[in-house]
Amino acid sequence: MKFVTENIFLIAIAFVSGAMLVWPLVRRGAGGPSVNTLEATQLINRQDALVLDVREQAEFAQSHILNSRGLPLSQLEARVGDVQKFKDKPVIVYCATGNRSSAAVETLKKHGFSNVVNLSGGFAAWQQAGLPVQK
């Protein structure tokens, strides 16, 4: 017990650093399955996947993945019927960095979409890979 009280600061640092190592794994699991840019292009080309941009309309208007559909996360629950016909097709959801799209994946799954994945890294990863965008 004396060791713990004398070294509480070091124990706290060890705990925080351990939590920081585990956090990405927890986030990845919570957001559902994800694909990288290569896997996404394969889904688009081989299985005619729907690419769904859940960023806000201004972000979508500025630039987006070629042939993607814009449906802001803030409107997704109310407008899920707009993409209902893609329920049984692969759906790739993305936002700017992959954070908002995790919530969108969960919403779509709740509405019966069977094959929904998150684009890891979002639009930033797509651009970094040099893949086509539409302006």
Foldseek 3Di string as FASTA:
>chain_A
DVVCVVCVVVVVVVVVVVCVVCVVVVLCVLLPAADEPVVVVCLCVPQVEAEEEQEDPVVVVVKFAPNHDYDHLVCCLVVVVVCVVCLAGAYEYFYQFQDSRSVVQVSSVVVRRDHYHYHHGGPVSCVVVVHDMDD
